[in-house]
Amino acid sequence: MNTRTDTFIISRHGWKIIAPLAILTLLLLLSMGLEFLTFVLLLILGCVIYRHRNPERISNFTQTGSILCPLDGKVKEIISIDNSPIDGKPGFEIVVEQGMSDIAILRAPVNSNMSVEKLQRGAMLNAKSGEYALNENALIRFTSSAGDVMMKHTLGSWTRPLAFGVEGEIHQNQRYGYMLNGISSIYLPSNSRVAIKEGMKLRAGESIIGFFS
């Protein structure tokens, strides 16, 4: 599915859930009126629509060499690592966890060439589960002239499968995928500096997480 054209107010990834739920709710409203069951379904429908919202995002702080956050969420950890998946050399890992109210659309951190290096379908267990490593995950590389950035997206519970657009040239802030709920590791190379702190709330396509040196 090409997420690059997913510019509707409600993401196309939510249509398979929203459409039948909306039809069921409408039928119950017409037959029963505003009873408790239809009220509950209306609340559920509203929550599902809200979770699949797809607003435009523009960063007012973009600079040459900047790296944008690819997803909404909260910074759990910032780690200096010795063996980065980018090149096997020292680098940085930024761990971001999505919240239940965060937008599911993923956006490119830099002008680059995007490639899906691994997509492993799997379980959808809670992040605190001892079997969390079995969850569906993907490894994405963004290759740019300034340096590479890599993402590892791992699904959480109560979600839907990961989805990504066509691989190839992609612009900074452009939509490239969909993850409704999960944890992502953002890997930056050694020739970069991190511009955020642990505990910060980030917005996809708006928040700058670092710069290439």
N, C-alpha and C. Protein backbone atom coordinates (compact mmCIF):
# COMPACT_ATOMS: atom_id res chain seq x y z
N MET A 1 0.84 -1.19 0.00
CA MET A 1 0.00 0.00 0.00
C MET A 1 0.88 1.24 0.00
N ASN A 2 0.61 2.17 -0.86
CA ASN A 2 1.43 3.36 -1.00
C ASN A 2 0.97 4.43 -0.02
N THR A 3 1.71 4.56 1.09
CA THR A 3 1.33 5.54 2.11
C THR A 3 1.72 6.96 1.72
N ARG A 4 2.45 7.13 0.62
CA ARG A 4 2.85 8.48 0.21
C ARG A 4 1.63 9.29 -0.24
N THR A 5 0.58 8.64 -0.70
CA THR A 5 -0.61 9.36 -1.14
C THR A 5 -1.69 9.36 -0.07
N ASP A 6 -1.33 8.93 1.13
CA ASP A 6 -2.29 8.86 2.23
C ASP A 6 -2.42 10.24 2.86
N THR A 7 -3.06 11.15 2.14
CA THR A 7 -3.19 12.53 2.60
C THR A 7 -4.61 12.88 3.01
N PHE A 8 -5.47 11.88 3.16
CA PHE A 8 -6.83 12.14 3.60
C PHE A 8 -6.84 12.55 5.07
N ILE A 9 -7.89 13.23 5.49
CA ILE A 9 -8.00 13.67 6.89
C ILE A 9 -7.97 12.46 7.82
N ILE A 10 -8.64 11.38 7.39
CA ILE A 10 -8.59 10.12 8.12
C ILE A 10 -7.75 9.15 7.30
N SER A 11 -6.73 8.58 7.90
CA SER A 11 -5.83 7.70 7.18
C SER A 11 -6.56 6.52 6.55
N ARG A 12 -6.16 6.16 5.35
CA ARG A 12 -6.77 5.03 4.66
C ARG A 12 -6.58 3.72 5.41
N HIS A 13 -5.59 3.66 6.29
CA HIS A 13 -5.35 2.45 7.06
C HIS A 13 -6.47 2.18 8.06
N GLY A 14 -7.27 3.19 8.35
CA GLY A 14 -8.36 3.00 9.29
C GLY A 14 -9.69 2.66 8.64
N TRP A 15 -9.76 2.73 7.32
CA TRP A 15 -11.04 2.55 6.63
C TRP A 15 -11.64 1.16 6.87
N LYS A 16 -10.80 0.12 6.90
CA LYS A 16 -11.32 -1.24 7.05
C LYS A 16 -11.98 -1.45 8.42
N ILE A 17 -11.61 -0.62 9.38
CA ILE A 17 -12.23 -0.71 10.70
C ILE A 17 -13.39 0.27 10.80
N ILE A 18 -13.16 1.51 10.33
CA ILE A 18 -14.14 2.57 10.49
C ILE A 18 -15.41 2.32 9.69
N ALA A 19 -15.28 1.86 8.44
CA ALA A 19 -16.45 1.68 7.58
C ALA A 19 -17.47 0.68 8.16
N PRO A 20 -17.07 -0.56 8.48
CA PRO A 20 -18.06 -1.49 9.03
C PRO A 20 -18.60 -1.06 10.39
N LEU A 21 -17.73 -0.44 11.20
CA LEU A 21 -18.18 0.04 12.51
C LEU A 21 -19.20 1.16 12.37
N ALA A 22 -18.97 2.05 11.40
CA ALA A 22 -19.91 3.15 11.15
C ALA A 22 -21.26 2.62 10.64
N ILE A 23 -21.22 1.63 9.75
CA ILE A 23 -22.46 1.03 9.21
C ILE A 23 -23.25 0.36 10.32
N LEU A 24 -22.56 -0.41 11.17
CA LEU A 24 -23.22 -1.09 12.29
C LEU A 24 -23.85 -0.09 13.24
N THR A 25 -23.11 0.96 13.55
CA THR A 25 -23.63 1.99 14.46
C THR A 25 -24.84 2.69 13.88
N LEU A 26 -24.80 3.00 12.57
CA LEU A 26 -25.92 3.66 11.91
C LEU A 26 -27.16 2.77 11.91
N LEU A 27 -26.97 1.48 11.61
CA LEU A 27 -28.10 0.56 11.60
C LEU A 27 -28.75 0.44 12.98
N LEU A 28 -27.94 0.39 14.02
CA LEU A 28 -28.48 0.30 15.37
C LEU A 28 -29.17 1.60 15.78
N LEU A 29 -28.62 2.72 15.33
CA LEU A 29 -29.26 4.00 15.62
C LEU A 29 -30.64 4.09 14.98
N LEU A 30 -30.74 3.61 13.73
CA LEU A 30 -32.02 3.67 13.01
C LEU A 30 -33.05 2.71 13.61
N SER A 31 -32.58 1.57 14.12
CA SER A 31 -33.51 0.57 14.63
C SER A 31 -33.81 0.71 16.12
N MET A 32 -32.81 1.18 16.89
CA MET A 32 -32.98 1.23 18.34
C MET A 32 -33.03 2.65 18.91
N GLY A 33 -32.52 3.61 18.14
CA GLY A 33 -32.39 4.95 18.69
C GLY A 33 -31.14 5.05 19.55
N LEU A 34 -31.03 6.09 20.33
CA LEU A 34 -29.84 6.33 21.14
C LEU A 34 -29.93 5.56 22.46
N GLU A 35 -29.80 4.24 22.36
CA GLU A 35 -29.78 3.39 23.55
C GLU A 35 -28.33 3.26 24.03
N PHE A 36 -28.16 2.55 25.14
CA PHE A 36 -26.83 2.41 25.74
C PHE A 36 -25.84 1.77 24.76
N LEU A 37 -26.26 0.71 24.05
CA LEU A 37 -25.38 0.01 23.13
C LEU A 37 -24.92 0.92 22.00
N THR A 38 -25.85 1.66 21.41
CA THR A 38 -25.48 2.56 20.31
C THR A 38 -24.60 3.70 20.82
N PHE A 39 -24.85 4.14 22.04
CA PHE A 39 -24.01 5.21 22.62
C PHE A 39 -22.58 4.72 22.78
N VAL A 40 -22.42 3.47 23.26
CA VAL A 40 -21.09 2.89 23.41
C VAL A 40 -20.40 2.76 22.05
N LEU A 41 -21.15 2.29 21.04
CA LEU A 41 -20.58 2.16 19.70
C LEU A 41 -20.17 3.51 19.13
N LEU A 42 -20.96 4.55 19.40
CA LEU A 42 -20.59 5.89 18.95
C LEU A 42 -19.28 6.36 19.58
N LEU A 43 -19.12 6.05 20.87
CA LEU A 43 -17.87 6.41 21.54
C LEU A 43 -16.69 5.65 20.94
N ILE A 44 -16.89 4.36 20.69
CA ILE A 44 -15.82 3.55 20.09
C ILE A 44 -15.47 4.07 18.70
N LEU A 45 -16.51 4.38 17.90
CA LEU A 45 -16.30 4.90 16.55
C LEU A 45 -15.52 6.21 16.60
N GLY A 46 -15.89 7.08 17.53
CA GLY A 46 -15.18 8.35 17.67
C GLY A 46 -13.71 8.16 18.03
N CYS A 47 -13.44 7.20 18.93
CA CYS A 47 -12.06 6.92 19.32
C CYS A 47 -11.25 6.36 18.16
N VAL A 48 -11.86 5.46 17.38
CA VAL A 48 -11.16 4.85 16.24
C VAL A 48 -10.84 5.91 15.18
N ILE A 49 -11.82 6.79 14.91
CA ILE A 49 -11.58 7.87 13.95
C ILE A 49 -10.46 8.78 14.43
N TYR A 50 -10.49 9.12 15.71
CA TYR A 50 -9.47 10.00 16.29
C TYR A 50 -8.08 9.38 16.18
N ARG A 51 -7.98 8.06 16.44
CA ARG A 51 -6.67 7.40 16.38
C ARG A 51 -6.13 7.33 14.97
N HIS A 52 -7.00 7.42 13.95
CA HIS A 52 -6.55 7.35 12.56
C HIS A 52 -6.54 8.71 11.87
N ARG A 53 -6.56 9.77 12.64
CA ARG A 53 -6.48 11.11 12.05
C ARG A 53 -5.13 11.29 11.36
N ASN A 54 -5.12 12.13 10.34
CA ASN A 54 -3.92 12.25 9.51
C ASN A 54 -3.71 13.72 9.14
N PRO A 55 -3.32 14.55 10.11
CA PRO A 55 -3.17 15.98 9.84
C PRO A 55 -1.90 16.29 9.07
N GLU A 56 -1.86 17.46 8.47
CA GLU A 56 -0.62 17.92 7.85
C GLU A 56 0.33 18.37 8.95
N ARG A 57 1.60 18.16 8.74
CA ARG A 57 2.62 18.55 9.70
C ARG A 57 3.72 19.33 8.97
N ILE A 58 4.05 20.50 9.50
CA ILE A 58 5.13 21.31 8.94
C ILE A 58 6.00 21.81 10.09
N SER A 59 7.29 21.55 10.00
CA SER A 59 8.21 22.03 11.04
C SER A 59 8.69 23.43 10.70
N ASN A 60 8.59 24.33 11.68
CA ASN A 60 9.05 25.71 11.49
C ASN A 60 10.51 25.88 11.87
N PHE A 61 11.17 24.78 12.27
CA PHE A 61 12.54 24.88 12.77
C PHE A 61 13.52 24.05 11.95
N THR A 62 13.08 23.61 10.77
CA THR A 62 13.94 22.80 9.93
C THR A 62 15.16 23.59 9.46
N GLN A 63 16.33 23.00 9.61
CA GLN A 63 17.58 23.62 9.16
C GLN A 63 18.36 22.61 8.33
N THR A 64 19.37 23.08 7.65
CA THR A 64 20.23 22.18 6.88
C THR A 64 20.89 21.19 7.82
N GLY A 65 20.78 19.93 7.51
CA GLY A 65 21.38 18.90 8.35
C GLY A 65 20.52 18.45 9.50
N SER A 66 19.28 18.95 9.58
CA SER A 66 18.40 18.57 10.69
C SER A 66 17.80 17.18 10.48
N ILE A 67 17.47 16.53 11.58
CA ILE A 67 16.85 15.21 11.56
C ILE A 67 15.54 15.31 12.32
N LEU A 68 14.42 15.07 11.62
CA LEU A 68 13.10 15.16 12.24
C LEU A 68 12.70 13.84 12.89
N CYS A 69 11.85 13.94 13.91
CA CYS A 69 11.33 12.73 14.54
C CYS A 69 10.33 12.08 13.59
N PRO A 70 10.40 10.76 13.39
CA PRO A 70 9.50 10.09 12.45
C PRO A 70 8.14 9.74 13.02
N LEU A 71 7.97 9.83 14.34
CA LEU A 71 6.70 9.40 14.93
C LEU A 71 6.36 10.23 16.15
N ASP A 72 5.07 10.26 16.48
CA ASP A 72 4.62 10.87 17.73
C ASP A 72 5.00 9.95 18.88
N GLY A 73 5.35 10.52 20.02
CA GLY A 73 5.63 9.69 21.18
C GLY A 73 6.49 10.39 22.21
N LYS A 74 6.83 9.65 23.25
CA LYS A 74 7.64 10.17 24.35
C LYS A 74 9.00 9.47 24.35
N VAL A 75 10.06 10.26 24.58
CA VAL A 75 11.42 9.72 24.61
C VAL A 75 11.62 8.91 25.89
N LYS A 76 11.83 7.61 25.74
CA LYS A 76 12.07 6.75 26.90
C LYS A 76 13.55 6.72 27.28
N GLU A 77 14.41 6.59 26.27
CA GLU A 77 15.85 6.49 26.53
C GLU A 77 16.64 7.12 25.40
N ILE A 78 17.82 7.62 25.74
CA ILE A 78 18.81 8.04 24.75
C ILE A 78 20.11 7.35 25.15
N ILE A 79 20.61 6.48 24.27
CA ILE A 79 21.72 5.60 24.62
C ILE A 79 22.87 5.80 23.63
N SER A 80 24.09 5.87 24.14
CA SER A 80 25.28 5.82 23.29
C SER A 80 25.62 4.34 23.10
N ILE A 81 25.66 3.91 21.85
CA ILE A 81 25.91 2.50 21.57
C ILE A 81 27.24 2.33 20.83
N ASP A 82 27.86 1.18 21.02
CA ASP A 82 29.16 0.91 20.40
C ASP A 82 29.04 0.25 19.04
N ASN A 83 27.94 -0.46 18.84
CA ASN A 83 27.79 -1.24 17.60
C ASN A 83 26.46 -0.88 16.94
N SER A 84 26.43 0.23 16.22
CA SER A 84 25.19 0.70 15.60
C SER A 84 24.81 -0.18 14.41
N PRO A 85 23.50 -0.45 14.23
CA PRO A 85 23.08 -1.22 13.05
C PRO A 85 23.29 -0.46 11.74
N ILE A 86 23.59 0.82 11.83
CA ILE A 86 23.84 1.62 10.61
C ILE A 86 25.11 1.14 9.92
N ASP A 87 26.22 1.06 10.72
CA ASP A 87 27.51 0.72 10.13
C ASP A 87 28.39 -0.11 11.05
N GLY A 88 27.85 -0.55 12.19
CA GLY A 88 28.64 -1.33 13.13
C GLY A 88 29.58 -0.49 13.97
N LYS A 89 29.48 0.83 13.84
CA LYS A 89 30.35 1.74 14.59
C LYS A 89 29.55 2.41 15.71
N PRO A 90 30.24 3.17 16.59
CA PRO A 90 29.52 3.87 17.67
C PRO A 90 28.49 4.85 17.11
N GLY A 91 27.42 5.05 17.86
CA GLY A 91 26.37 5.96 17.45
C GLY A 91 25.39 6.18 18.59
N PHE A 92 24.18 6.57 18.26
CA PHE A 92 23.17 6.87 19.27
C PHE A 92 21.88 6.10 18.97
N GLU A 93 21.20 5.70 20.03
CA GLU A 93 19.88 5.08 19.91
C GLU A 93 18.88 5.89 20.74
N ILE A 94 17.83 6.36 20.08
CA ILE A 94 16.77 7.10 20.76
C ILE A 94 15.52 6.22 20.76
N VAL A 95 15.03 5.89 21.93
CA VAL A 95 13.86 5.01 22.06
C VAL A 95 12.63 5.87 22.32
N VAL A 96 11.64 5.76 21.42
CA VAL A 96 10.41 6.56 21.52
C VAL A 96 9.22 5.62 21.61
N GLU A 97 8.36 5.87 22.59
CA GLU A 97 7.16 5.05 22.79
C GLU A 97 5.91 5.85 22.44
N GLN A 98 5.07 5.28 21.59
CA GLN A 98 3.81 5.93 21.23
C GLN A 98 2.81 5.81 22.37
N GLY A 99 1.99 6.88 22.52
CA GLY A 99 0.89 6.85 23.46
C GLY A 99 -0.41 6.54 22.75
N MET A 100 -1.48 6.30 23.51
CA MET A 100 -2.76 5.92 22.93
C MET A 100 -3.40 7.04 22.12
N SER A 101 -3.01 8.28 22.37
CA SER A 101 -3.59 9.41 21.64
C SER A 101 -2.69 9.90 20.51
N ASP A 102 -1.54 9.25 20.30
CA ASP A 102 -0.59 9.71 19.29
C ASP A 102 -1.02 9.28 17.89
N ILE A 103 -0.60 10.08 16.91
CA ILE A 103 -0.93 9.80 15.51
C ILE A 103 -0.10 8.62 15.01
N ALA A 104 -0.70 7.78 14.17
CA ALA A 104 -0.07 6.55 13.72
C ALA A 104 0.80 6.71 12.47
N ILE A 105 0.75 7.87 11.84
CA ILE A 105 1.47 8.07 10.58
C ILE A 105 2.95 8.32 10.84
N LEU A 106 3.82 7.63 10.09
CA LEU A 106 5.27 7.78 10.19
C LEU A 106 5.77 8.71 9.09
N ARG A 107 6.78 9.53 9.43
CA ARG A 107 7.29 10.53 8.48
C ARG A 107 8.81 10.46 8.38
N ALA A 108 9.31 10.73 7.19
CA ALA A 108 10.74 10.61 6.92
C ALA A 108 11.55 11.64 7.71
N PRO A 109 12.65 11.22 8.34
CA PRO A 109 13.46 12.14 9.13
C PRO A 109 14.34 13.08 8.32
N VAL A 110 14.72 12.63 7.10
CA VAL A 110 15.63 13.43 6.26
C VAL A 110 15.30 13.19 4.79
N ASN A 111 15.80 14.08 3.92
CA ASN A 111 15.75 13.81 2.48
C ASN A 111 16.68 12.64 2.21
N SER A 112 16.16 11.57 1.64
CA SER A 112 16.96 10.36 1.58
C SER A 112 16.38 9.35 0.59
N ASN A 113 17.04 8.20 0.55
CA ASN A 113 16.52 7.04 -0.16
C ASN A 113 16.10 6.03 0.89
N MET A 114 14.83 5.68 0.91
CA MET A 114 14.29 4.80 1.94
C MET A 114 14.30 3.34 1.46
N SER A 115 14.68 2.44 2.35
CA SER A 115 14.61 1.02 2.03
C SER A 115 14.18 0.24 3.28
N VAL A 116 13.31 -0.75 3.07
CA VAL A 116 12.87 -1.63 4.15
C VAL A 116 13.84 -2.80 4.18
N GLU A 117 14.75 -2.82 5.16
CA GLU A 117 15.77 -3.87 5.21
C GLU A 117 15.22 -5.16 5.80
N LYS A 118 14.23 -5.04 6.69
CA LYS A 118 13.62 -6.24 7.26
C LYS A 118 12.20 -5.93 7.68
N LEU A 119 11.29 -6.84 7.38
CA LEU A 119 9.92 -6.75 7.86
C LEU A 119 9.52 -8.13 8.36
N GLN A 120 9.45 -8.27 9.67
CA GLN A 120 9.17 -9.56 10.28
C GLN A 120 7.78 -9.54 10.90
N ARG A 121 6.86 -10.27 10.29
CA ARG A 121 5.52 -10.37 10.84
C ARG A 121 5.57 -11.23 12.11
N GLY A 122 4.74 -10.88 13.07
CA GLY A 122 4.79 -11.63 14.32
C GLY A 122 3.64 -11.32 15.24
N ALA A 123 3.89 -11.45 16.53
CA ALA A 123 2.86 -11.27 17.55
C ALA A 123 2.60 -9.79 17.81
N MET A 124 1.61 -9.53 18.65
CA MET A 124 1.28 -8.17 19.07
C MET A 124 1.05 -8.19 20.57
N LEU A 125 2.14 -8.43 21.31
CA LEU A 125 2.08 -8.58 22.76
C LEU A 125 2.40 -7.25 23.45
N ASN A 126 2.04 -7.17 24.72
CA ASN A 126 2.33 -5.98 25.50
C ASN A 126 3.83 -5.76 25.62
N ALA A 127 4.24 -4.49 25.65
CA ALA A 127 5.67 -4.16 25.70
C ALA A 127 6.34 -4.70 26.97
N LYS A 128 5.55 -4.93 28.03
CA LYS A 128 6.11 -5.44 29.28
C LYS A 128 6.16 -6.97 29.31
N SER A 129 5.67 -7.58 28.24
CA SER A 129 5.66 -9.03 28.17
C SER A 129 7.07 -9.57 27.97
N GLY A 130 7.34 -10.73 28.56
CA GLY A 130 8.65 -11.35 28.40
C GLY A 130 8.88 -11.85 26.99
N GLU A 131 7.81 -11.96 26.20
CA GLU A 131 7.91 -12.43 24.82
C GLU A 131 7.81 -11.28 23.81
N TYR A 132 8.10 -10.06 24.26
CA TYR A 132 7.95 -8.88 23.40
C TYR A 132 8.82 -8.97 22.15
N ALA A 133 9.93 -9.70 22.25
CA ALA A 133 10.84 -9.84 21.10
C ALA A 133 10.18 -10.57 19.93
N LEU A 134 9.07 -11.26 20.19
CA LEU A 134 8.37 -11.97 19.12
C LEU A 134 7.41 -11.07 18.34
N ASN A 135 7.27 -9.84 18.79
CA ASN A 135 6.32 -8.94 18.13
C ASN A 135 6.76 -8.55 16.73
N GLU A 136 5.77 -8.18 15.92
CA GLU A 136 6.04 -7.73 14.56
C GLU A 136 6.97 -6.51 14.59
N ASN A 137 7.97 -6.52 13.71
CA ASN A 137 8.92 -5.40 13.70
C ASN A 137 9.48 -5.19 12.31
N ALA A 138 10.06 -4.02 12.11
CA ALA A 138 10.65 -3.67 10.82
C ALA A 138 11.88 -2.81 11.02
N LEU A 139 12.86 -2.99 10.15
CA LEU A 139 14.07 -2.19 10.17
C LEU A 139 14.12 -1.37 8.88
N ILE A 140 14.13 -0.05 9.03
CA ILE A 140 14.07 0.87 7.89
C ILE A 140 15.33 1.71 7.84
N ARG A 141 15.91 1.84 6.64
CA ARG A 141 17.11 2.67 6.47
C ARG A 141 16.80 3.87 5.58
N PHE A 142 17.29 5.03 6.01
CA PHE A 142 17.20 6.25 5.21
C PHE A 142 18.63 6.67 4.87
N THR A 143 18.98 6.54 3.60
CA THR A 143 20.34 6.83 3.15
C THR A 143 20.40 8.23 2.55
N SER A 144 21.22 9.09 3.16
CA SER A 144 21.36 10.46 2.67
C SER A 144 22.83 10.80 2.48
N SER A 145 23.09 11.90 1.80
CA SER A 145 24.47 12.32 1.55
C SER A 145 25.18 12.72 2.85
N ALA A 146 24.42 13.19 3.85
CA ALA A 146 25.01 13.62 5.11
C ALA A 146 25.28 12.44 6.04
N GLY A 147 24.54 11.37 5.86
CA GLY A 147 24.67 10.20 6.71
C GLY A 147 23.38 9.41 6.74
N ASP A 148 23.44 8.19 7.24
CA ASP A 148 22.26 7.33 7.29
C ASP A 148 21.55 7.44 8.64
N VAL A 149 20.24 7.26 8.60
CA VAL A 149 19.42 7.15 9.80
C VAL A 149 18.65 5.84 9.69
N MET A 150 18.54 5.11 10.79
CA MET A 150 17.79 3.85 10.76
C MET A 150 16.71 3.84 11.84
N MET A 151 15.63 3.14 11.54
CA MET A 151 14.50 2.98 12.47
C MET A 151 14.25 1.50 12.69
N LYS A 152 13.97 1.14 13.93
CA LYS A 152 13.42 -0.18 14.21
C LYS A 152 12.05 0.04 14.85
N HIS A 153 10.99 -0.31 14.14
CA HIS A 153 9.63 -0.17 14.64
C HIS A 153 9.16 -1.52 15.15
N THR A 154 8.70 -1.56 16.40
CA THR A 154 8.18 -2.80 16.98
C THR A 154 6.77 -2.57 17.49
N LEU A 155 5.83 -3.38 17.03
CA LEU A 155 4.43 -3.22 17.41
C LEU A 155 4.20 -3.57 18.87
N GLY A 156 3.19 -2.90 19.45
CA GLY A 156 2.73 -3.25 20.78
C GLY A 156 1.46 -4.07 20.69
N SER A 157 0.64 -4.00 21.73
CA SER A 157 -0.61 -4.76 21.76
C SER A 157 -1.77 -3.90 21.25
N TRP A 158 -2.89 -4.54 20.96
CA TRP A 158 -4.11 -3.86 20.51
C TRP A 158 -3.81 -2.95 19.32
N THR A 159 -3.25 -3.50 18.29
CA THR A 159 -2.85 -2.68 17.14
C THR A 159 -3.16 -3.41 15.85
N ARG A 160 -2.58 -2.93 14.76
CA ARG A 160 -2.76 -3.53 13.44
C ARG A 160 -1.38 -3.66 12.80
N PRO A 161 -1.24 -4.46 11.72
CA PRO A 161 0.06 -4.70 11.11
C PRO A 161 0.75 -3.41 10.63
N LEU A 162 2.08 -3.44 10.66
CA LEU A 162 2.86 -2.34 10.11
C LEU A 162 2.62 -2.24 8.61
N ALA A 163 2.69 -1.01 8.09
CA ALA A 163 2.53 -0.80 6.64
C ALA A 163 3.49 0.30 6.20
N PHE A 164 4.09 0.11 5.01
CA PHE A 164 5.05 1.07 4.48
C PHE A 164 4.78 1.36 3.02
N GLY A 165 5.23 2.53 2.58
CA GLY A 165 5.02 2.94 1.20
C GLY A 165 6.07 2.35 0.28
N VAL A 166 6.04 2.79 -0.95
CA VAL A 166 7.00 2.32 -1.95
C VAL A 166 8.40 2.80 -1.58
N GLU A 167 9.38 1.91 -1.66
CA GLU A 167 10.75 2.28 -1.33
C GLU A 167 11.34 3.17 -2.42
N GLY A 168 12.32 3.99 -2.02
CA GLY A 168 12.98 4.86 -2.98
C GLY A 168 13.16 6.26 -2.42
N GLU A 169 13.29 7.22 -3.32
CA GLU A 169 13.54 8.60 -2.91
C GLU A 169 12.36 9.15 -2.12
N ILE A 170 12.69 9.83 -1.02
CA ILE A 170 11.65 10.37 -0.14
C ILE A 170 12.14 11.69 0.44
N HIS A 171 11.23 12.61 0.63
CA HIS A 171 11.57 13.93 1.15
C HIS A 171 11.35 13.99 2.66
N GLN A 172 12.12 14.84 3.31
CA GLN A 172 11.97 15.03 4.75
C GLN A 172 10.53 15.40 5.09
N ASN A 173 9.96 14.73 6.09
CA ASN A 173 8.60 14.96 6.58
C ASN A 173 7.54 14.25 5.74
N GLN A 174 7.94 13.59 4.67
CA GLN A 174 6.97 12.87 3.83
C GLN A 174 6.49 11.61 4.54
N ARG A 175 5.22 11.28 4.40
CA ARG A 175 4.67 10.07 5.01
C ARG A 175 5.31 8.83 4.37
N TYR A 176 5.75 7.92 5.22
CA TYR A 176 6.33 6.69 4.67
C TYR A 176 5.73 5.41 5.26
N GLY A 177 4.92 5.53 6.28
CA GLY A 177 4.39 4.31 6.86
C GLY A 177 3.36 4.55 7.94
N TYR A 178 2.98 3.44 8.58
CA TYR A 178 1.88 3.45 9.54
C TYR A 178 2.19 2.48 10.67
N MET A 179 2.12 2.98 11.91
CA MET A 179 2.25 2.14 13.09
C MET A 179 1.30 2.68 14.15
N LEU A 180 0.28 1.92 14.47
CA LEU A 180 -0.78 2.41 15.35
C LEU A 180 -0.35 2.45 16.80
N ASN A 181 0.48 1.52 17.22
CA ASN A 181 0.90 1.46 18.61
C ASN A 181 2.17 0.65 18.70
N GLY A 182 3.20 1.21 19.34
CA GLY A 182 4.44 0.47 19.46
C GLY A 182 5.58 1.31 19.99
N ILE A 183 6.77 0.75 19.90
CA ILE A 183 8.00 1.40 20.35
C ILE A 183 8.98 1.42 19.19
N SER A 184 9.65 2.55 19.01
CA SER A 184 10.61 2.69 17.91
C SER A 184 11.98 3.07 18.45
N SER A 185 13.01 2.46 17.88
CA SER A 185 14.39 2.86 18.14
C SER A 185 14.89 3.62 16.93
N ILE A 186 15.35 4.85 17.16
CA ILE A 186 15.90 5.69 16.09
C ILE A 186 17.42 5.67 16.24
N TYR A 187 18.12 5.21 15.22
CA TYR A 187 19.58 5.11 15.28
C TYR A 187 20.21 6.25 14.48
N LEU A 188 21.06 7.01 15.15
CA LEU A 188 21.78 8.11 14.51
C LEU A 188 23.27 7.77 14.47
N PRO A 189 23.98 8.18 13.41
CA PRO A 189 25.40 7.84 13.29
C PRO A 189 26.26 8.70 14.21
N SER A 190 27.55 8.38 14.27
CA SER A 190 28.47 9.10 15.15
C SER A 190 28.70 10.54 14.69
N ASN A 191 28.46 10.83 13.40
CA ASN A 191 28.65 12.20 12.91
C ASN A 191 27.38 13.03 13.08
N SER A 192 26.67 12.80 14.18
CA SER A 192 25.45 13.55 14.47
C SER A 192 25.45 13.93 15.95
N ARG A 193 24.60 14.87 16.31
CA ARG A 193 24.43 15.23 17.71
C ARG A 193 22.94 15.22 18.05
N VAL A 194 22.64 14.72 19.21
CA VAL A 194 21.26 14.61 19.66
C VAL A 194 20.80 15.93 20.26
N ALA A 195 19.58 16.36 19.90
CA ALA A 195 19.08 17.68 20.33
C ALA A 195 17.85 17.56 21.22
N ILE A 196 17.65 16.41 21.85
CA ILE A 196 16.49 16.21 22.71
C ILE A 196 16.93 15.57 24.03
N LYS A 197 15.99 15.48 24.98
CA LYS A 197 16.27 14.86 26.27
C LYS A 197 15.24 13.78 26.56
N GLU A 198 15.58 12.89 27.46
CA GLU A 198 14.65 11.85 27.88
C GLU A 198 13.42 12.49 28.55
N GLY A 199 12.26 11.91 28.27
CA GLY A 199 11.02 12.42 28.85
C GLY A 199 10.30 13.42 27.97
N MET A 200 10.95 13.91 26.89
CA MET A 200 10.33 14.89 26.02
C MET A 200 9.23 14.25 25.18
N LYS A 201 8.19 15.02 24.89
CA LYS A 201 7.11 14.58 24.00
C LYS A 201 7.43 15.10 22.60
N LEU A 202 7.42 14.20 21.62
CA LEU A 202 7.81 14.53 20.25
C LEU A 202 6.62 14.40 19.30
N ARG A 203 6.67 15.17 18.21
CA ARG A 203 5.63 15.12 17.18
C ARG A 203 6.28 14.80 15.84
N ALA A 204 5.73 13.81 15.16
CA ALA A 204 6.27 13.39 13.86
C ALA A 204 6.26 14.53 12.86
N GLY A 205 7.39 14.73 12.20
CA GLY A 205 7.47 15.75 11.15
C GLY A 205 7.62 17.16 11.65
N GLU A 206 7.62 17.37 12.97
CA GLU A 206 7.76 18.71 13.54
C GLU A 206 8.95 18.81 14.49
N SER A 207 9.12 17.83 15.35
CA SER A 207 10.17 17.88 16.36
C SER A 207 11.52 17.48 15.75
N ILE A 208 12.54 18.30 15.99
CA ILE A 208 13.91 17.99 15.55
C ILE A 208 14.60 17.18 16.65
N ILE A 209 15.10 16.01 16.30
CA ILE A 209 15.75 15.16 17.30
C ILE A 209 17.27 15.25 17.24
N GLY A 210 17.83 15.81 16.16
CA GLY A 210 19.26 15.91 16.07
C GLY A 210 19.72 16.59 14.79
N PHE A 211 21.04 16.68 14.66
CA PHE A 211 21.65 17.31 13.48
C PHE A 211 22.86 16.49 13.05
N PHE A 212 23.10 16.46 11.75
CA PHE A 212 24.35 15.92 11.23
C PHE A 212 25.44 16.95 11.45
N SER A 213 26.63 16.47 11.84
CA SER A 213 27.75 17.40 12.05
C SER A 213 28.24 17.93 10.71
